Amino acid sequence: MAITPSTELKLLKNPLLMNNKNQLTFANAQAQYNYFNSLTKIECDNFSYQRKDSVIRFPAHIDDILEYNYCMYQNENYTDKWFYCFITNMTYINDNVTEITIATDVFQTWLFDFQIKQSFVEREMINVADDQIGINRVNEGLETGEYVVKHSYNIADLNEYYIIAYVGQSIKVPGGSDIVVGSRGYKYNGIYSSVCFIACNESGFNTLMGYMNNEDNSNNILTIFTVPKLAINTVSEQQEIETNGYYIMNQNLMATPKYLDSTIFDALTTNSDFENYVPRNKKLLQYPYTYLGFNPLIRY
């Protein structure tokens, strides 16, 4: 019995590549069909039975279809299944016929027929709606080129500072009360420490260093470093430093957070300041492609 040709075939412009490095998944076969059918396409519905990984004799001039790289077909007389294929070659036959060589897209064709067992995911795409700064931190290893400085700010809050000394034992003070370091340890900003901190202004630091000449004091200061004043910002601490030149942090302390002007970080969160280029992926708004650097202003 003769069967009327009824295979439906669509040539598509598809972003997928044969290397399968970037594939698409769908909730069901209907969603899959809807996506591919929505792509730019040319349709024909009177082909004879189409064989897997074969050659299609398409009724069109090669120049009219050369831009299409994918196809989908359904042999309606035999099955309702859609087969998805990459176009691997086109050959001119005459002005009305082009031979198209196809290779089955195994992933899409049998997407709902196989089960993915426990696997190692080497690389995974995310939905555009979920693309946020910091989500994808895998290093691409791409050359960034020379960086361009778009914005710079002077953070005045970092100009004033305190000198901090780690004290491991008590310090004897001539003619006054000794600086006593307890043995129980302390907690600073939620971090436990077995030593005591002394915060000093320049005058208090000179006074503290003068105590080092006293007996048994020379080994009691373990190290010294400098921090901005905003790191020590309670009223009692600042008043005591202003009065005595130093403040003994021999209690559990939690610094009050200091928030800088949000405009400082605008360059990292805007899409409008790349010389009219709008990144499609938020990964370009994070390191190493975009970053915020801090440089101390040294004054002599």
Protein backbone atom coordinates (compact mmCIF):
# COMPACT_ATOMS: atom_id res chain seq x y z
CA MET A 1 0.00 0.00 0.00
CA ALA A 2 1.40 3.41 -0.98
CA ILE A 3 1.84 5.92 1.81
CA THR A 4 1.42 9.61 1.08
CA PRO A 5 4.56 11.57 2.06
CA SER A 6 3.74 13.43 5.25
CA THR A 7 7.02 13.91 7.12
CA GLU A 8 7.16 17.40 8.60
CA LEU A 9 10.58 19.07 8.58
CA LYS A 10 11.79 22.43 9.86
CA LEU A 11 15.14 24.11 9.23
CA LEU A 12 16.14 26.24 12.23
CA LYS A 13 18.61 28.87 13.37
CA ASN A 14 19.76 27.37 16.65
CA PRO A 15 22.40 28.52 19.22
CA LEU A 16 23.36 24.91 20.08
CA LEU A 17 26.67 23.46 18.89
CA MET A 18 27.64 19.89 18.08
CA ASN A 19 30.26 19.77 20.88
CA ASN A 20 27.39 19.69 23.42
CA LYS A 21 29.27 21.97 25.80
CA ASN A 22 26.14 24.07 26.18
CA GLN A 23 22.87 22.15 26.02
CA LEU A 24 19.30 23.04 26.96
CA THR A 25 16.94 21.18 29.27
CA PHE A 26 13.14 21.39 29.36
CA ALA A 27 10.40 20.40 31.77
CA ASN A 28 8.69 18.20 29.18
CA ALA A 29 8.54 17.37 25.47
CA GLN A 30 5.91 20.02 24.78
CA ALA A 31 8.10 22.76 26.28
CA GLN A 32 11.00 21.46 24.22
CA TYR A 33 8.94 21.56 21.02
CA ASN A 34 7.63 25.06 21.81
CA TYR A 35 11.15 26.40 22.18
CA PHE A 36 12.57 24.96 18.96
CA ASN A 37 9.41 25.79 17.02
CA SER A 38 9.73 29.42 18.16
CA LEU A 39 13.15 29.82 16.49
CA THR A 40 13.56 31.36 13.04
CA LYS A 41 12.69 28.57 10.62
CA ILE A 42 11.61 27.30 7.22
CA GLU A 43 8.96 24.54 7.17
CA CYS A 44 7.96 21.78 4.77
CA ASP A 45 5.34 19.09 5.46
CA ASN A 46 5.36 16.81 2.41
CA PHE A 47 8.66 14.95 2.73
CA SER A 48 8.91 11.18 2.41
CA TYR A 49 10.08 9.10 5.37
CA GLN A 50 13.18 10.74 6.85
CA ARG A 51 15.99 8.42 7.93
CA LYS A 52 18.30 9.05 10.89
CA ASP A 53 21.66 10.71 10.06
CA SER A 54 20.87 10.78 6.37
CA VAL A 55 20.70 13.34 3.56
CA ILE A 56 17.73 15.61 2.97
CA ARG A 57 17.00 16.84 -0.55
CA PHE A 58 15.50 20.18 0.32
CA PRO A 59 13.54 22.09 -2.36
CA ALA A 60 15.40 25.41 -2.20
CA HIS A 61 18.49 27.13 -3.54
CA ILE A 62 21.48 26.72 -1.21
CA ASP A 63 21.92 30.49 -0.88
CA ASP A 64 18.40 30.77 0.55
CA ILE A 65 18.98 28.28 3.36
CA LEU A 66 22.70 28.53 4.06
CA GLU A 67 22.15 30.42 7.33
CA TYR A 68 20.24 27.52 8.94
CA ASN A 69 22.29 25.16 11.14
CA TYR A 70 19.72 22.84 12.72
CA CYS A 71 16.59 20.91 11.85
CA MET A 72 13.75 18.96 13.42
CA TYR A 73 11.50 16.41 11.75
CA GLN A 74 8.60 14.11 12.53
CA ASN A 75 7.58 11.05 10.48
CA GLU A 76 3.87 11.51 11.12
CA ASN A 77 2.70 8.26 9.53
CA TYR A 78 4.84 6.22 11.90
CA THR A 79 5.40 8.18 15.13
CA ASP A 80 4.61 11.43 16.88
CA LYS A 81 8.21 11.77 18.09
CA TRP A 82 10.27 14.74 17.00
CA PHE A 83 13.89 14.16 16.01
CA TYR A 84 16.39 17.00 16.47
CA CYS A 85 19.50 17.23 14.27
CA PHE A 86 22.55 19.35 13.56
CA ILE A 87 23.13 20.34 9.94
CA THR A 88 26.70 19.33 9.13
CA ASN A 89 26.88 20.13 5.42
CA MET A 90 24.97 21.58 2.47
CA THR A 91 25.62 20.73 -1.19
CA TYR A 92 24.27 22.57 -4.21
CA ILE A 93 22.44 20.22 -6.60
CA ASN A 94 20.59 22.72 -8.75
CA ASP A 95 18.72 25.99 -8.35
CA ASN A 96 15.76 24.18 -6.81
CA VAL A 97 17.43 21.43 -4.74
CA THR A 98 20.05 21.42 -1.97
CA GLU A 99 21.35 18.29 -0.28
CA ILE A 100 21.52 18.74 3.50
CA THR A 101 23.55 16.32 5.61
CA ILE A 102 22.28 15.89 9.17
CA ALA A 103 23.59 14.37 12.40
CA THR A 104 21.18 13.55 15.21
CA ASP A 105 21.32 15.71 18.33
CA VAL A 106 21.33 12.74 20.69
CA PHE A 107 20.78 14.84 23.79
CA GLN A 108 17.65 16.65 22.57
CA THR A 109 16.18 13.73 20.63
CA TRP A 110 16.20 11.36 23.60
CA LEU A 111 16.14 13.92 26.41
CA PHE A 112 13.08 12.34 28.02
CA ASP A 113 14.04 8.75 27.29
CA PHE A 114 17.21 8.44 29.34
CA GLN A 115 17.99 8.79 33.04
CA ILE A 116 21.01 10.77 34.21
CA LYS A 117 22.60 8.89 37.08
CA GLN A 118 25.05 10.26 39.64
CA SER A 119 27.49 12.39 37.65
CA PHE A 120 30.15 15.02 38.03
CA VAL A 121 28.99 18.41 36.72
CA GLU A 122 31.95 20.08 35.05
CA ARG A 123 30.12 23.24 34.09
CA GLU A 124 26.55 24.40 34.55
CA MET A 125 24.54 27.30 33.17
CA ILE A 126 22.10 29.36 35.23
CA ASN A 127 18.84 31.06 34.34
CA VAL A 128 19.12 34.70 33.30
CA ALA A 129 16.78 35.66 36.15
CA ASP A 130 19.17 34.05 38.64
CA ASP A 131 22.30 35.71 37.26
CA GLN A 132 23.61 37.94 40.04
CA ILE A 133 27.02 39.36 40.93
CA GLY A 134 28.97 36.71 42.83
CA ILE A 135 26.88 33.71 41.71
CA ASN A 136 29.43 32.41 39.20
CA ARG A 137 33.00 32.62 40.50
CA VAL A 138 34.67 29.96 38.31
CA ASN A 139 37.82 31.47 36.80
CA GLU A 140 37.59 31.48 32.99
CA GLY A 141 41.31 32.08 32.53
CA LEU A 142 40.62 34.84 30.00
CA GLU A 143 42.97 37.75 29.43
CA THR A 144 41.44 40.94 30.85
CA GLY A 145 43.74 43.36 29.06
CA GLU A 146 44.77 46.66 30.58
CA TYR A 147 42.38 47.89 33.26
CA VAL A 148 40.60 51.22 32.85
CA VAL A 149 39.96 53.33 35.97
CA LYS A 150 36.36 54.52 35.80
CA HIS A 151 35.90 56.08 39.24
CA SER A 152 38.04 57.09 42.21
CA TYR A 153 37.07 58.28 45.68
CA ASN A 154 38.88 59.68 48.72
CA ILE A 155 37.59 57.90 51.83
CA ALA A 156 38.40 60.50 54.48
CA ASP A 157 37.33 58.17 57.31
CA LEU A 158 40.51 56.16 56.76
CA ASN A 159 42.89 59.11 57.19
CA GLU A 160 42.76 59.27 61.01
CA TYR A 161 44.14 56.30 62.87
CA TYR A 162 44.94 54.67 66.19
CA ILE A 163 48.01 52.65 67.07
CA ILE A 164 47.19 49.23 68.54
CA ALA A 165 49.55 47.27 70.79
CA TYR A 166 49.15 43.58 71.70
CA VAL A 167 49.96 43.17 75.38
CA GLY A 168 50.65 39.67 76.61
CA GLN A 169 51.25 40.52 80.30
CA SER A 170 50.73 43.41 82.70
CA ILE A 171 52.75 46.60 82.23
CA LYS A 172 54.17 48.50 85.19
CA VAL A 173 53.36 52.21 85.13
CA PRO A 174 55.70 54.51 87.14
CA GLY A 175 53.77 56.43 89.76
CA GLY A 176 50.40 55.07 88.71
CA SER A 177 48.20 52.01 88.40
CA ASP A 178 49.72 49.17 86.40
CA ILE A 179 48.10 48.12 83.13
CA VAL A 180 46.76 44.73 84.15
CA VAL A 181 46.05 42.00 81.62
CA GLY A 182 43.66 39.35 82.85
CA SER A 183 44.20 35.65 82.28
CA ARG A 184 40.71 34.83 81.05
CA GLY A 185 41.11 36.19 77.53
CA TYR A 186 38.79 38.50 75.64
CA LYS A 187 36.45 38.55 72.67
CA TYR A 188 36.77 41.27 70.05
CA ASN A 189 34.07 41.42 67.35
CA GLY A 190 33.21 37.82 68.14
CA ILE A 191 36.82 36.59 67.85
CA TYR A 192 38.48 35.24 70.98
CA SER A 193 41.98 36.39 71.94
CA SER A 194 44.37 35.51 74.78
CA VAL A 195 45.99 38.96 74.70
CA CYS A 196 44.83 42.46 75.53
CA PHE A 197 44.73 45.34 73.04
CA ILE A 198 45.76 48.89 73.91
CA ALA A 199 44.56 51.59 71.50
CA CYS A 200 46.69 54.75 71.49
CA ASN A 201 46.90 58.11 69.81
CA GLU A 202 50.42 59.37 69.03
CA SER A 203 50.86 60.92 72.46
CA GLY A 204 49.61 57.82 74.24
CA PHE A 205 51.86 55.60 72.14
CA ASN A 206 54.92 57.65 73.10
CA THR A 207 53.89 57.36 76.74
CA LEU A 208 53.42 53.60 76.38
CA MET A 209 56.84 53.22 74.79
CA GLY A 210 58.32 55.19 77.67
CA TYR A 211 57.07 52.50 80.03
CA MET A 212 59.23 49.96 78.22
CA ASN A 213 62.30 51.23 80.08
CA ASN A 214 60.81 50.04 83.32
CA GLU A 215 61.79 46.69 84.73
CA ASP A 216 60.07 43.64 83.24
CA ASN A 217 58.18 45.66 80.59
CA SER A 218 60.39 45.18 77.53
CA ASN A 219 58.98 41.79 76.55
CA ASN A 220 55.35 42.41 77.37
CA ILE A 221 54.28 44.14 74.13
CA LEU A 222 54.07 41.44 71.49
CA THR A 223 53.37 43.49 68.35
CA ILE A 224 52.12 46.88 67.16
CA PHE A 225 49.96 47.88 64.17
CA THR A 226 47.78 50.79 63.00
CA VAL A 227 44.03 50.89 62.29
CA PRO A 228 41.64 53.66 61.18
CA LYS A 229 39.79 55.39 64.01
CA LEU A 230 36.49 54.08 62.70
CA ALA A 231 37.57 50.61 63.90
CA ILE A 232 37.21 51.84 67.52
CA ASN A 233 34.11 53.98 67.65
CA THR A 234 32.38 53.80 71.05
CA VAL A 235 32.14 57.08 72.97
CA SER A 236 33.80 55.75 76.15
CA GLU A 237 36.82 54.48 74.24
CA GLN A 238 37.33 57.72 72.33
CA GLN A 239 36.95 59.85 75.47
CA GLU A 240 39.51 57.79 77.36
CA ILE A 241 41.97 57.92 74.47
CA GLU A 242 41.56 61.69 74.23
CA THR A 243 42.09 62.09 77.97
CA ASN A 244 44.90 59.62 78.71
CA GLY A 245 46.32 59.01 75.26
CA TYR A 246 45.47 55.34 75.33
CA TYR A 247 42.58 52.98 76.08
CA ILE A 248 42.91 49.45 77.49
CA MET A 249 40.53 47.09 75.71
CA ASN A 250 40.30 44.57 78.53
CA GLN A 251 36.66 43.65 78.04
CA ASN A 252 34.56 41.93 75.44
CA LEU A 253 33.92 44.47 72.66
CA MET A 254 31.88 44.59 69.49
CA ALA A 255 32.63 47.42 67.05
CA THR A 256 29.70 49.29 65.53
CA PRO A 257 29.67 48.73 61.73
CA LYS A 258 30.70 51.69 59.62
CA TYR A 259 28.94 51.99 56.28
CA LEU A 260 30.54 53.95 53.49
CA ASP A 261 28.62 55.97 50.92
CA SER A 262 26.95 53.49 48.57
CA THR A 263 27.96 55.56 45.53
CA ILE A 264 31.50 54.25 46.01
CA PHE A 265 30.32 50.85 44.81
CA ASP A 266 28.16 52.02 41.90
CA ALA A 267 30.83 51.07 39.36
CA LEU A 268 30.44 47.43 40.37
CA THR A 269 26.65 47.30 40.15
CA THR A 270 25.76 49.38 37.10
CA ASN A 271 25.48 48.25 33.50
CA SER A 272 25.66 51.72 32.00
CA ASP A 273 29.29 52.74 32.39
CA PHE A 274 31.15 50.48 29.96
CA GLU A 275 31.32 52.89 27.02
CA ASN A 276 27.86 51.88 25.78
CA TYR A 277 28.54 48.15 26.22
CA VAL A 278 25.99 46.35 28.41
CA PRO A 279 27.31 43.01 29.78
CA ARG A 280 24.95 40.10 29.18
CA ASN A 281 26.40 38.21 32.14
CA LYS A 282 26.84 39.64 35.65
CA LYS A 283 30.16 37.78 35.85
CA LEU A 284 31.71 40.71 33.98
CA LEU A 285 30.78 42.94 36.93
CA GLN A 286 33.03 41.05 39.35
CA TYR A 287 36.72 40.20 39.70
CA PRO A 288 38.89 39.86 37.67
CA TYR A 289 36.96 41.80 35.00
CA THR A 290 35.81 44.53 37.39
CA TYR A 291 37.13 45.21 40.84
CA LEU A 292 37.35 47.83 43.57
CA GLY A 293 40.86 48.51 44.89
CA PHE A 294 41.97 50.34 48.03
CA ASN A 295 45.23 52.29 48.01
CA PRO A 296 46.48 54.03 51.18
CA LEU A 297 47.33 57.71 50.88
CA ILE A 298 50.78 58.07 52.43
CA ARG A 299 51.59 61.52 53.78
CA TYR A 300 55.08 62.60 54.81
